[in-house]
């Protein structure tokens, strides 16, 4: 069964791009908006500007792992959709650097 905490529908992505608040960080851009559900959802993207498929997949894995660590440390606001978009600067960074970047963006917006 598919995890309901992951964004998949095109309508949800369109709503995030149109109405979501953008928060830039060193290696990611975070978009977030209310979803009207009792739980939060997330998605991770890496465009071709990041690099080839190996580099894009590594960027998504880094963001996913960083988000998992942040959620285990902090209490995440419920009822929000999060979209993390990798910047090209993520290529040479370690997981700890990506975690700091995502954590800073989420703290700045009061999401954790």
PDB file of N, CA and C in Angstrom:
ATOM      1  N   UNK A   1       0.833  -1.186   0.000  1.00  0.00           N
ATOM      2  CA  UNK A   1       0.000   0.000   0.000  1.00  0.00           C
ATOM      3  C   UNK A   1       0.883   1.257   0.000  1.00  0.00           C
ATOM      4  N   UNK A   2       0.453   2.262  -0.706  1.00  0.00           N
ATOM      5  CA  UNK A   2       1.217   3.488  -0.810  1.00  0.00           C
ATOM      6  C   UNK A   2       1.134   4.277   0.493  1.00  0.00           C
ATOM      7  N   UNK A   3       2.247   4.909   0.838  1.00  0.00           N
ATOM      8  CA  UNK A   3       2.315   5.728   2.047  1.00  0.00           C
ATOM      9  C   UNK A   3       1.517   7.016   1.821  1.00  0.00           C
ATOM     10  N   UNK A   4       0.528   7.321   2.668  1.00  0.00           N
ATOM     11  CA  UNK A   4      -0.270   8.537   2.466  1.00  0.00           C
ATOM     12  C   UNK A   4       0.494   9.816   2.802  1.00  0.00           C
ATOM     13  N   UNK A   5       1.677   9.698   3.406  1.00  0.00           N
ATOM     14  CA  UNK A   5       2.437  10.881   3.797  1.00  0.00           C
ATOM     15  C   UNK A   5       3.390  11.361   2.710  1.00  0.00           C
ATOM     16  N   UNK A   6       3.240  10.823   1.500  1.00  0.00           N
ATOM     17  CA  UNK A   6       4.076  11.236   0.380  1.00  0.00           C
ATOM     18  C   UNK A   6       3.188  11.876  -0.683  1.00  0.00           C
ATOM     19  N   UNK A   7       3.601  13.035  -1.176  1.00  0.00           N
ATOM     20  CA  UNK A   7       2.842  13.726  -2.223  1.00  0.00           C
ATOM     21  C   UNK A   7       3.018  13.007  -3.546  1.00  0.00           C
ATOM     22  N   UNK A   8       1.900  12.766  -4.230  1.00  0.00           N
ATOM     23  CA  UNK A   8       1.972  12.092  -5.525  1.00  0.00           C
ATOM     24  C   UNK A   8       1.110  12.757  -6.604  1.00  0.00           C
ATOM     25  N   UNK A   9       0.011  13.382  -6.218  1.00  0.00           N
ATOM     26  CA  UNK A   9      -0.940  13.912  -7.194  1.00  0.00           C
ATOM     27  C   UNK A   9      -0.451  15.210  -7.831  1.00  0.00           C
ATOM     28  N   UNK A  10      -0.709  15.347  -9.115  1.00  0.00           N
ATOM     29  CA  UNK A  10      -0.316  16.549  -9.840  1.00  0.00           C
ATOM     30  C   UNK A  10      -1.017  17.783  -9.277  1.00  0.00           C
ATOM     31  N   UNK A  11      -2.260  17.630  -8.842  1.00  0.00           N
ATOM     32  CA  UNK A  11      -3.009  18.759  -8.280  1.00  0.00           C
ATOM     33  C   UNK A  11      -2.340  19.291  -7.020  1.00  0.00           C
ATOM     34  N   UNK A  12      -1.820  18.376  -6.195  1.00  0.00           N
ATOM     35  CA  UNK A  12      -1.138  18.789  -4.970  1.00  0.00           C
ATOM     36  C   UNK A  12       0.142  19.563  -5.291  1.00  0.00           C
ATOM     37  N   UNK A  13       0.886  19.092  -6.286  1.00  0.00           N
ATOM     38  CA  UNK A  13       2.103  19.794  -6.681  1.00  0.00           C
ATOM     39  C   UNK A  13       1.765  21.168  -7.256  1.00  0.00           C
ATOM     40  N   UNK A  14       0.737  21.240  -8.087  1.00  0.00           N
ATOM     41  CA  UNK A  14       0.330  22.525  -8.658  1.00  0.00           C
ATOM     42  C   UNK A  14      -0.090  23.504  -7.571  1.00  0.00           C
ATOM     43  N   UNK A  15      -0.828  23.014  -6.567  1.00  0.00           N
ATOM     44  CA  UNK A  15      -1.253  23.867  -5.450  1.00  0.00           C
ATOM     45  C   UNK A  15      -0.038  24.388  -4.686  1.00  0.00           C
ATOM     46  N   UNK A  16       0.940  23.522  -4.477  1.00  0.00           N
ATOM     47  CA  UNK A  16       2.169  23.942  -3.781  1.00  0.00           C
ATOM     48  C   UNK A  16       2.907  25.012  -4.571  1.00  0.00           C
ATOM     49  N   UNK A  17       3.030  24.824  -5.893  1.00  0.00           N
ATOM     50  CA  UNK A  17       3.748  25.798  -6.700  1.00  0.00           C
ATOM     51  C   UNK A  17       3.004  27.127  -6.779  1.00  0.00           C
ATOM     52  N   UNK A  18       1.665  27.097  -6.780  1.00  0.00           N
ATOM     53  CA  UNK A  18       0.894  28.334  -6.900  1.00  0.00           C
ATOM     54  C   UNK A  18       0.715  29.051  -5.572  1.00  0.00           C
ATOM     55  N   UNK A  19       0.363  28.319  -4.517  1.00  0.00           N
ATOM     56  CA  UNK A  19      -0.004  28.946  -3.249  1.00  0.00           C
ATOM     57  C   UNK A  19       1.016  28.736  -2.141  1.00  0.00           C
ATOM     58  N   UNK A  20       2.001  27.887  -2.380  1.00  0.00           N
ATOM     59  CA  UNK A  20       2.968  27.581  -1.336  1.00  0.00           C
ATOM     60  C   UNK A  20       3.964  28.699  -1.100  1.00  0.00           C
ATOM     61  N   UNK A  21       4.479  28.758   0.122  1.00  0.00           N
ATOM     62  CA  UNK A  21       5.494  29.742   0.481  1.00  0.00           C
ATOM     63  C   UNK A  21       6.859  29.136   0.226  1.00  0.00           C
ATOM     64  N   UNK A  22       7.718  29.874  -0.464  1.00  0.00           N
ATOM     65  CA  UNK A  22       9.041  29.399  -0.826  1.00  0.00           C
ATOM     66  C   UNK A  22      10.067  29.894   0.191  1.00  0.00           C
ATOM     67  N   UNK A  23      10.923  28.966   0.648  1.00  0.00           N
ATOM     68  CA  UNK A  23      11.965  29.302   1.610  1.00  0.00           C
ATOM     69  C   UNK A  23      13.298  28.805   1.047  1.00  0.00           C
ATOM     70  N   UNK A  24      14.152  29.722   0.585  1.00  0.00           N
ATOM     71  CA  UNK A  24      15.431  29.279   0.043  1.00  0.00           C
ATOM     72  C   UNK A  24      16.422  28.947   1.149  1.00  0.00           C
ATOM     73  N   UNK A  25      17.298  28.049   0.843  1.00  0.00           N
ATOM     74  CA  UNK A  25      18.358  27.659   1.761  1.00  0.00           C
ATOM     75  C   UNK A  25      19.617  27.411   0.935  1.00  0.00           C
ATOM     76  N   UNK A  26      20.691  26.997   1.573  1.00  0.00           N
ATOM     77  CA  UNK A  26      21.964  26.838   0.883  1.00  0.00           C
ATOM     78  C   UNK A  26      21.887  25.819  -0.254  1.00  0.00           C
ATOM     79  N   UNK A  27      21.304  24.669   0.018  1.00  0.00           N
ATOM     80  CA  UNK A  27      21.301  23.614  -1.001  1.00  0.00           C
ATOM     81  C   UNK A  27      19.901  23.126  -1.373  1.00  0.00           C
ATOM     82  N   UNK A  28      18.856  23.663  -0.746  1.00  0.00           N
ATOM     83  CA  UNK A  28      17.483  23.276  -1.093  1.00  0.00           C
ATOM     84  C   UNK A  28      16.580  24.497  -1.086  1.00  0.00           C
ATOM     85  N   UNK A  29      15.460  24.357  -1.777  1.00  0.00           N
ATOM     86  CA  UNK A  29      14.374  25.328  -1.694  1.00  0.00           C
ATOM     87  C   UNK A  29      13.182  24.567  -1.147  1.00  0.00           C
ATOM     88  N   UNK A  30      12.612  25.068  -0.053  1.00  0.00           N
ATOM     89  CA  UNK A  30      11.475  24.401   0.559  1.00  0.00           C
ATOM     90  C   UNK A  30      10.205  25.184   0.236  1.00  0.00           C
ATOM     91  N   UNK A  31       9.194  24.486  -0.265  1.00  0.00           N
ATOM     92  CA  UNK A  31       7.872  25.065  -0.451  1.00  0.00           C
ATOM     93  C   UNK A  31       6.942  24.382   0.533  1.00  0.00           C
ATOM     94  N   UNK A  32       6.065  25.158   1.173  1.00  0.00           N
ATOM     95  CA  UNK A  32       5.127  24.552   2.111  1.00  0.00           C
ATOM     96  C   UNK A  32       3.808  25.302   2.093  1.00  0.00           C
ATOM     97  N   UNK A  33       2.751  24.564   2.379  1.00  0.00           N
ATOM     98  CA  UNK A  33       1.417  25.135   2.460  1.00  0.00           C
ATOM     99  C   UNK A  33       0.533  24.214   3.291  1.00  0.00           C
ATOM    100  N   UNK A  34      -0.587  24.730   3.736  1.00  0.00           N
ATOM    101  CA  UNK A  34      -1.547  23.932   4.505  1.00  0.00           C
ATOM    102  C   UNK A  34      -2.222  22.924   3.578  1.00  0.00           C
ATOM    103  N   UNK A  35      -2.544  21.731   4.120  1.00  0.00           N
ATOM    104  CA  UNK A  35      -3.196  20.723   3.282  1.00  0.00           C
ATOM    105  C   UNK A  35      -4.579  20.316   3.790  1.00  0.00           C
ATOM    106  N   UNK A  36      -4.970  20.748   4.986  1.00  0.00           N
ATOM    107  CA  UNK A  36      -6.292  20.420   5.502  1.00  0.00           C
ATOM    108  C   UNK A  36      -6.442  18.977   5.951  1.00  0.00           C
ATOM    109  N   UNK A  37      -5.353  18.274   6.140  1.00  0.00           N
ATOM    110  CA  UNK A  37      -5.368  16.885   6.586  1.00  0.00           C
ATOM    111  C   UNK A  37      -4.771  16.792   7.982  1.00  0.00           C
ATOM    112  N   UNK A  38      -5.043  15.723   8.712  1.00  0.00           N
ATOM    113  CA  UNK A  38      -4.482  15.603  10.073  1.00  0.00           C
ATOM    114  C   UNK A  38      -3.012  15.184  10.097  1.00  0.00           C
ATOM    115  N   UNK A  39      -2.389  15.035   8.946  1.00  0.00           N
ATOM    116  CA  UNK A  39      -0.979  14.649   8.887  1.00  0.00           C
ATOM    117  C   UNK A  39      -0.273  15.479   7.822  1.00  0.00           C
ATOM    118  N   UNK A  40       1.037  15.508   7.901  1.00  0.00           N
ATOM    119  CA  UNK A  40       1.850  16.241   6.927  1.00  0.00           C
ATOM    120  C   UNK A  40       2.315  15.312   5.821  1.00  0.00           C
ATOM    121  N   UNK A  41       2.496  15.893   4.620  1.00  0.00           N
ATOM    122  CA  UNK A  41       2.993  15.130   3.485  1.00  0.00           C
ATOM    123  C   UNK A  41       4.251  15.794   2.965  1.00  0.00           C
ATOM    124  N   UNK A  42       5.063  15.022   2.239  1.00  0.00           N
ATOM    125  CA  UNK A  42       6.319  15.557   1.741  1.00  0.00           C
ATOM    126  C   UNK A  42       6.643  14.984   0.372  1.00  0.00           C
ATOM    127  N   UNK A  43       7.545  15.695  -0.333  1.00  0.00           N
ATOM    128  CA  UNK A  43       8.061  15.231  -1.615  1.00  0.00           C
ATOM    129  C   UNK A  43       9.438  15.844  -1.812  1.00  0.00           C
ATOM    130  N   UNK A  44      10.265  15.168  -2.583  1.00  0.00           N
ATOM    131  CA  UNK A  44      11.637  15.608  -2.842  1.00  0.00           C
ATOM    132  C   UNK A  44      11.878  15.585  -4.342  1.00  0.00           C
ATOM    133  N   UNK A  45      12.427  16.675  -4.878  1.00  0.00           N
ATOM    134  CA  UNK A  45      12.675  16.787  -6.310  1.00  0.00           C
ATOM    135  C   UNK A  45      14.106  17.228  -6.578  1.00  0.00           C
ATOM    136  N   UNK A  46      14.634  16.769  -7.681  1.00  0.00           N
ATOM    137  CA  UNK A  46      15.937  17.221  -8.161  1.00  0.00           C
ATOM    138  C   UNK A  46      15.842  17.342  -9.684  1.00  0.00           C
ATOM    139  N   UNK A  47      16.035  18.544 -10.191  1.00  0.00           N
ATOM    140  CA  UNK A  47      15.912  18.759 -11.631  1.00  0.00           C
ATOM    141  C   UNK A  47      17.207  18.382 -12.340  1.00  0.00           C
ATOM    142  N   UNK A  48      17.191  18.459 -13.650  1.00  0.00           N
ATOM    143  CA  UNK A  48      18.375  18.120 -14.430  1.00  0.00           C
ATOM    144  C   UNK A  48      19.500  19.123 -14.237  1.00  0.00           C
ATOM    145  N   UNK A  49      19.210  20.272 -13.620  1.00  0.00           N
ATOM    146  CA  UNK A  49      20.261  21.245 -13.324  1.00  0.00           C
ATOM    147  C   UNK A  49      21.220  20.700 -12.266  1.00  0.00           C
ATOM    148  N   UNK A  50      20.751  19.755 -11.469  1.00  0.00           N
ATOM    149  CA  UNK A  50      21.594  19.158 -10.425  1.00  0.00           C
ATOM    150  C   UNK A  50      22.670  18.279 -11.046  1.00  0.00           C
ATOM    151  N   UNK A  51      22.351  17.581 -12.104  1.00  0.00           N
ATOM    152  CA  UNK A  51      23.347  16.737 -12.755  1.00  0.00           C
ATOM    153  C   UNK A  51      22.688  15.552 -13.436  1.00  0.00           C
ATOM    154  N   UNK A  52      23.484  14.511 -13.659  1.00  0.00           N
ATOM    155  CA  UNK A  52      22.943  13.321 -14.312  1.00  0.00           C
ATOM    156  C   UNK A  52      22.075  12.526 -13.338  1.00  0.00           C
ATOM    157  N   UNK A  53      21.553  11.411 -13.770  1.00  0.00           N
ATOM    158  CA  UNK A  53      20.582  10.672 -12.950  1.00  0.00           C
ATOM    159  C   UNK A  53      21.187  10.168 -11.648  1.00  0.00           C
ATOM    160  N   UNK A  54      22.466   9.823 -11.658  1.00  0.00           N
ATOM    161  CA  UNK A  54      23.123   9.357 -10.436  1.00  0.00           C
ATOM    162  C   UNK A  54      23.189  10.489  -9.414  1.00  0.00           C
ATOM    163  N   UNK A  55      23.563  11.676  -9.844  1.00  0.00           N
ATOM    164  CA  UNK A  55      23.658  12.823  -8.948  1.00  0.00           C
ATOM    165  C   UNK A  55      22.288  13.266  -8.456  1.00  0.00           C
ATOM    166  N   UNK A  56      21.286  13.216  -9.332  1.00  0.00           N
ATOM    167  CA  UNK A  56      19.928  13.591  -8.920  1.00  0.00           C
ATOM    168  C   UNK A  56      19.392  12.617  -7.887  1.00  0.00           C
ATOM    169  N   UNK A  57      19.609  11.333  -8.107  1.00  0.00           N
ATOM    170  CA  UNK A  57      19.121  10.337  -7.156  1.00  0.00           C
ATOM    171  C   UNK A  57      19.839  10.468  -5.817  1.00  0.00           C
ATOM    172  N   UNK A  58      21.138  10.758  -5.834  1.00  0.00           N
ATOM    173  CA  UNK A  58      21.885  10.967  -4.601  1.00  0.00           C
ATOM    174  C   UNK A  58      21.336  12.176  -3.852  1.00  0.00           C
ATOM    175  N   UNK A  59      21.005  13.249  -4.581  1.00  0.00           N
ATOM    176  CA  UNK A  59      20.447  14.446  -3.957  1.00  0.00           C
ATOM    177  C   UNK A  59      19.119  14.132  -3.273  1.00  0.00           C
ATOM    178  N   UNK A  60      18.273  13.363  -3.930  1.00  0.00           N
ATOM    179  CA  UNK A  60      16.977  12.993  -3.340  1.00  0.00           C
ATOM    180  C   UNK A  60      17.196  12.127  -2.107  1.00  0.00           C
ATOM    181  N   UNK A  61      18.131  11.177  -2.174  1.00  0.00           N
ATOM    182  CA  UNK A  61      18.422  10.331  -1.016  1.00  0.00           C
ATOM    183  C   UNK A  61      18.946  11.149   0.158  1.00  0.00           C
ATOM    184  N   UNK A  62      19.815  12.124  -0.117  1.00  0.00           N
ATOM    185  CA  UNK A  62      20.337  12.988   0.942  1.00  0.00           C
ATOM    186  C   UNK A  62      19.221  13.790   1.601  1.00  0.00           C
ATOM    187  N   UNK A  63      18.330  14.361   0.792  1.00  0.00           N
ATOM    188  CA  UNK A  63      17.229  15.155   1.347  1.00  0.00           C
ATOM    189  C   UNK A  63      16.283  14.272   2.149  1.00  0.00           C
ATOM    190  N   UNK A  64      15.978  13.081   1.633  1.00  0.00           N
ATOM    191  CA  UNK A  64      15.073  12.164   2.316  1.00  0.00           C
ATOM    192  C   UNK A  64      15.639  11.744   3.676  1.00  0.00           C
ATOM    193  N   UNK A  65      16.904  11.398   3.714  1.00  0.00           N
ATOM    194  CA  UNK A  65      17.548  10.975   4.958  1.00  0.00           C
ATOM    195  C   UNK A  65      17.641  12.137   5.950  1.00  0.00           C
ATOM    196  N   UNK A  66      17.966  13.320   5.472  1.00  0.00           N
ATOM    197  CA  UNK A  66      18.034  14.494   6.339  1.00  0.00           C
ATOM    198  C   UNK A  66      16.673  14.797   6.946  1.00  0.00           C
ATOM    199  N   UNK A  67      15.631  14.721   6.126  1.00  0.00           N
ATOM    200  CA  UNK A  67      14.275  14.962   6.623  1.00  0.00           C
ATOM    201  C   UNK A  67      13.887  13.917   7.669  1.00  0.00           C
ATOM    202  N   UNK A  68      14.245  12.666   7.434  1.00  0.00           N
ATOM    203  CA  UNK A  68      13.949  11.604   8.395  1.00  0.00           C
ATOM    204  C   UNK A  68      14.635  11.871   9.735  1.00  0.00           C
ATOM    205  N   UNK A  69      15.881  12.330   9.712  1.00  0.00           N
ATOM    206  CA  UNK A  69      16.594  12.642  10.944  1.00  0.00           C
ATOM    207  C   UNK A  69      15.973  13.827  11.666  1.00  0.00           C
ATOM    208  N   UNK A  70      15.558  14.834  10.920  1.00  0.00           N
ATOM    209  CA  UNK A  70      14.949  16.022  11.524  1.00  0.00           C
ATOM    210  C   UNK A  70      13.633  15.660  12.190  1.00  0.00           C
ATOM    211  N   UNK A  71      12.825  14.841  11.535  1.00  0.00           N
ATOM    212  CA  UNK A  71      11.530  14.445  12.097  1.00  0.00           C
ATOM    213  C   UNK A  71      11.717  13.617  13.366  1.00  0.00           C
ATOM    214  N   UNK A  72      12.791  12.830  13.433  1.00  0.00           N
ATOM    215  CA  UNK A  72      13.027  12.040  14.645  1.00  0.00           C
ATOM    216  C   UNK A  72      13.504  12.910  15.803  1.00  0.00           C
ATOM    217  N   UNK A  73      14.109  14.071  15.511  1.00  0.00           N
ATOM    218  CA  UNK A  73      14.604  14.957  16.562  1.00  0.00           C
ATOM    219  C   UNK A  73      13.559  15.968  17.019  1.00  0.00           C
ATOM    220  N   UNK A  74      12.784  16.500  16.099  1.00  0.00           N
ATOM    221  CA  UNK A  74      11.844  17.585  16.383  1.00  0.00           C
ATOM    222  C   UNK A  74      10.413  17.124  16.148  1.00  0.00           C
ATOM    223  N   UNK A  75       9.478  17.937  16.642  1.00  0.00           N
ATOM    224  CA  UNK A  75       8.068  17.704  16.372  1.00  0.00           C
ATOM    225  C   UNK A  75       7.684  18.502  15.137  1.00  0.00           C
ATOM    226  N   UNK A  76       7.183  17.813  14.139  1.00  0.00           N
ATOM    227  CA  UNK A  76       6.818  18.433  12.870  1.00  0.00           C
ATOM    228  C   UNK A  76       5.384  18.957  12.959  1.00  0.00           C
ATOM    229  N   UNK A  77       5.154  20.142  12.392  1.00  0.00           N
ATOM    230  CA  UNK A  77       3.799  20.682  12.339  1.00  0.00           C
ATOM    231  C   UNK A  77       2.924  19.776  11.495  1.00  0.00           C
ATOM    232  N   UNK A  78       1.760  19.446  11.995  1.00  0.00           N
ATOM    233  CA  UNK A  78       0.833  18.587  11.254  1.00  0.00           C
ATOM    234  C   UNK A  78      -0.046  19.429  10.335  1.00  0.00           C
ATOM    235  N   UNK A  79      -0.547  18.808   9.282  1.00  0.00           N
ATOM    236  CA  UNK A  79      -1.464  19.480   8.366  1.00  0.00           C
ATOM    237  C   UNK A  79      -0.781  20.359   7.331  1.00  0.00           C
ATOM    238  N   UNK A  80       0.464  20.029   6.968  1.00  0.00           N
ATOM    239  CA  UNK A  80       1.186  20.813   5.968  1.00  0.00           C
ATOM    240  C   UNK A  80       1.737  19.899   4.890  1.00  0.00           C
ATOM    241  N   UNK A  81       1.895  20.458   3.704  1.00  0.00           N
ATOM    242  CA  UNK A  81       2.581  19.784   2.606  1.00  0.00           C
ATOM    243  C   UNK A  81       3.951  20.441   2.441  1.00  0.00           C
ATOM    244  N   UNK A  82       4.974  19.621   2.300  1.00  0.00           N
ATOM    245  CA  UNK A  82       6.338  20.106   2.117  1.00  0.00           C
ATOM    246  C   UNK A  82       6.879  19.584   0.793  1.00  0.00           C
ATOM    247  N   UNK A  83       7.552  20.457   0.075  1.00  0.00           N
ATOM    248  CA  UNK A  83       8.239  20.080  -1.150  1.00  0.00           C
ATOM    249  C   UNK A  83       9.660  20.614  -1.064  1.00  0.00           C
ATOM    250  N   UNK A  84      10.625  19.719  -1.164  1.00  0.00           N
ATOM    251  CA  UNK A  84      12.033  20.093  -1.112  1.00  0.00           C
ATOM    252  C   UNK A  84      12.623  19.918  -2.503  1.00  0.00           C
ATOM    253  N   UNK A  85      13.171  21.004  -3.050  1.00  0.00           N
ATOM    254  CA  UNK A  85      13.756  20.987  -4.376  1.00  0.00           C
ATOM    255  C   UNK A  85      15.258  21.202  -4.228  1.00  0.00           C
ATOM    256  N   UNK A  86      16.039  20.278  -4.778  1.00  0.00           N
ATOM    257  CA  UNK A  86      17.494  20.351  -4.657  1.00  0.00           C
ATOM    258  C   UNK A  86      18.049  21.445  -5.556  1.00  0.00           C
ATOM    259  N   UNK A  87      19.048  22.152  -5.036  1.00  0.00           N
ATOM    260  CA  UNK A  87      19.795  23.111  -5.835  1.00  0.00           C
ATOM    261  C   UNK A  87      21.055  22.428  -6.350  1.00  0.00           C
ATOM    262  N   UNK A  88      21.695  23.032  -7.312  1.00  0.00           N
ATOM    263  CA  UNK A  88      22.888  22.410  -7.895  1.00  0.00           C
ATOM    264  C   UNK A  88      24.052  22.364  -6.909  1.00  0.00           C
ATOM    265  N   UNK A  89      23.995  23.140  -5.834  1.00  0.00           N
ATOM    266  CA  UNK A  89      25.067  23.146  -4.831  1.00  0.00           C
ATOM    267  C   UNK A  89      25.057  21.902  -3.953  1.00  0.00           C
ATOM    268  N   UNK A  90      24.038  21.071  -4.061  1.00  0.00           N
ATOM    269  CA  UNK A  90      23.920  19.884  -3.214  1.00  0.00           C
ATOM    270  C   UNK A  90      24.888  18.778  -3.644  1.00  0.00           C
ATOM    271  N   UNK A  91      25.424  18.866  -4.843  1.00  0.00           N
ATOM    272  CA  UNK A  91      26.246  17.793  -5.407  1.00  0.00           C
ATOM    273  C   UNK A  91      27.422  17.393  -4.534  1.00  0.00           C
ATOM    274  N   UNK A  92      28.131  18.371  -3.984  1.00  0.00           N
ATOM    275  CA  UNK A  92      29.373  18.091  -3.265  1.00  0.00           C
ATOM    276  C   UNK A  92      29.201  18.057  -1.752  1.00  0.00           C
ATOM    277  N   UNK A  93      27.981  18.100  -1.260  1.00  0.00           N
ATOM    278  CA  UNK A  93      27.748  18.173   0.182  1.00  0.00           C
ATOM    279  C   UNK A  93      27.523  16.799   0.795  1.00  0.00           C
ATOM    280  N   UNK A  94      27.768  16.731   2.088  1.00  0.00           N
ATOM    281  CA  UNK A  94      27.514  15.521   2.872  1.00  0.00           C
ATOM    282  C   UNK A  94      26.123  15.616   3.482  1.00  0.00           C
ATOM    283  N   UNK A  95      25.672  14.515   4.050  1.00  0.00           N
ATOM    284  CA  UNK A  95      24.328  14.451   4.632  1.00  0.00           C
ATOM    285  C   UNK A  95      24.160  15.460   5.765  1.00  0.00           C
ATOM    286  N   UNK A  96      25.187  15.650   6.585  1.00  0.00           N
ATOM    287  CA  UNK A  96      25.106  16.588   7.710  1.00  0.00           C
ATOM    288  C   UNK A  96      24.889  18.020   7.221  1.00  0.00           C
ATOM    289  N   UNK A  97      25.516  18.389   6.103  1.00  0.00           N
ATOM    290  CA  UNK A  97      25.348  19.730   5.545  1.00  0.00           C
ATOM    291  C   UNK A  97      23.937  19.928   5.013  1.00  0.00           C
ATOM    292  N   UNK A  98      23.413  18.910   4.352  1.00  0.00           N
ATOM    293  CA  UNK A  98      22.048  18.991   3.819  1.00  0.00           C
ATOM    294  C   UNK A  98      21.050  19.077   4.973  1.00  0.00           C
ATOM    295  N   UNK A  99      21.306  18.324   6.026  1.00  0.00           N
ATOM    296  CA  UNK A  99      20.423  18.356   7.201  1.00  0.00           C
ATOM    297  C   UNK A  99      20.402  19.753   7.814  1.00  0.00           C
ATOM    298  N   UNK A 100      21.554  20.385   7.949  1.00  0.00           N
ATOM    299  CA  UNK A 100      21.619  21.744   8.497  1.00  0.00           C
ATOM    300  C   UNK A 100      20.838  22.712   7.634  1.00  0.00           C
ATOM    301  N   UNK A 101      20.940  22.558   6.334  1.00  0.00           N
ATOM    302  CA  UNK A 101      20.261  23.446   5.413  1.00  0.00           C
ATOM    303  C   UNK A 101      18.740  23.301   5.509  1.00  0.00           C
ATOM    304  N   UNK A 102      18.267  22.067   5.510  1.00  0.00           N
ATOM    305  CA  UNK A 102      16.825  21.825   5.617  1.00  0.00           C
ATOM    306  C   UNK A 102      16.315  22.259   6.986  1.00  0.00           C
ATOM    307  N   UNK A 103      17.074  21.945   8.017  1.00  0.00           N
ATOM    308  CA  UNK A 103      16.693  22.324   9.389  1.00  0.00           C
ATOM    309  C   UNK A 103      16.583  23.827   9.541  1.00  0.00           C
ATOM    310  N   UNK A 104      17.516  24.576   8.949  1.00  0.00           N
ATOM    311  CA  UNK A 104      17.490  26.030   9.020  1.00  0.00           C
ATOM    312  C   UNK A 104      16.248  26.588   8.318  1.00  0.00           C
ATOM    313  N   UNK A 105      15.923  26.033   7.168  1.00  0.00           N
ATOM    314  CA  UNK A 105      14.746  26.505   6.434  1.00  0.00           C
ATOM    315  C   UNK A 105      13.468  26.212   7.209  1.00  0.00           C
ATOM    316  N   UNK A 106      13.393  25.034   7.817  1.00  0.00           N
ATOM    317  CA  UNK A 106      12.180  24.678   8.559  1.00  0.00           C
ATOM    318  C   UNK A 106      12.053  25.471   9.847  1.00  0.00           C
ATOM    319  N   UNK A 107      13.159  25.759  10.506  1.00  0.00           N
ATOM    320  CA  UNK A 107      13.113  26.568  11.724  1.00  0.00           C
ATOM    321  C   UNK A 107      12.727  28.012  11.394  1.00  0.00           C
ATOM    322  N   UNK A 108      13.238  28.524  10.283  1.00  0.00           N
ATOM    323  CA  UNK A 108      12.940  29.885   9.884  1.00  0.00           C
ATOM    324  C   UNK A 108      11.433  30.092   9.692  1.00  0.00           C
ATOM    325  N   UNK A 109      10.748  29.051   9.211  1.00  0.00           N
ATOM    326  CA  UNK A 109       9.312  29.138   8.965  1.00  0.00           C
ATOM    327  C   UNK A 109       8.480  28.634  10.140  1.00  0.00           C
ATOM    328  N   UNK A 110       9.120  28.120  11.171  1.00  0.00           N
ATOM    329  CA  UNK A 110       8.377  27.621  12.328  1.00  0.00           C
ATOM    330  C   UNK A 110       7.682  26.305  12.073  1.00  0.00           C
ATOM    331  N   UNK A 111       8.201  25.494  11.156  1.00  0.00           N
ATOM    332  CA  UNK A 111       7.582  24.214  10.834  1.00  0.00           C
ATOM    333  C   UNK A 111       8.001  23.119  11.813  1.00  0.00           C
ATOM    334  N   UNK A 112       9.112  23.346  12.542  1.00  0.00           N
ATOM    335  CA  UNK A 112       9.540  22.391  13.572  1.00  0.00           C
ATOM    336  C   UNK A 112       9.735  23.127  14.870  1.00  0.00           C
TER     337      UNK A 112
END
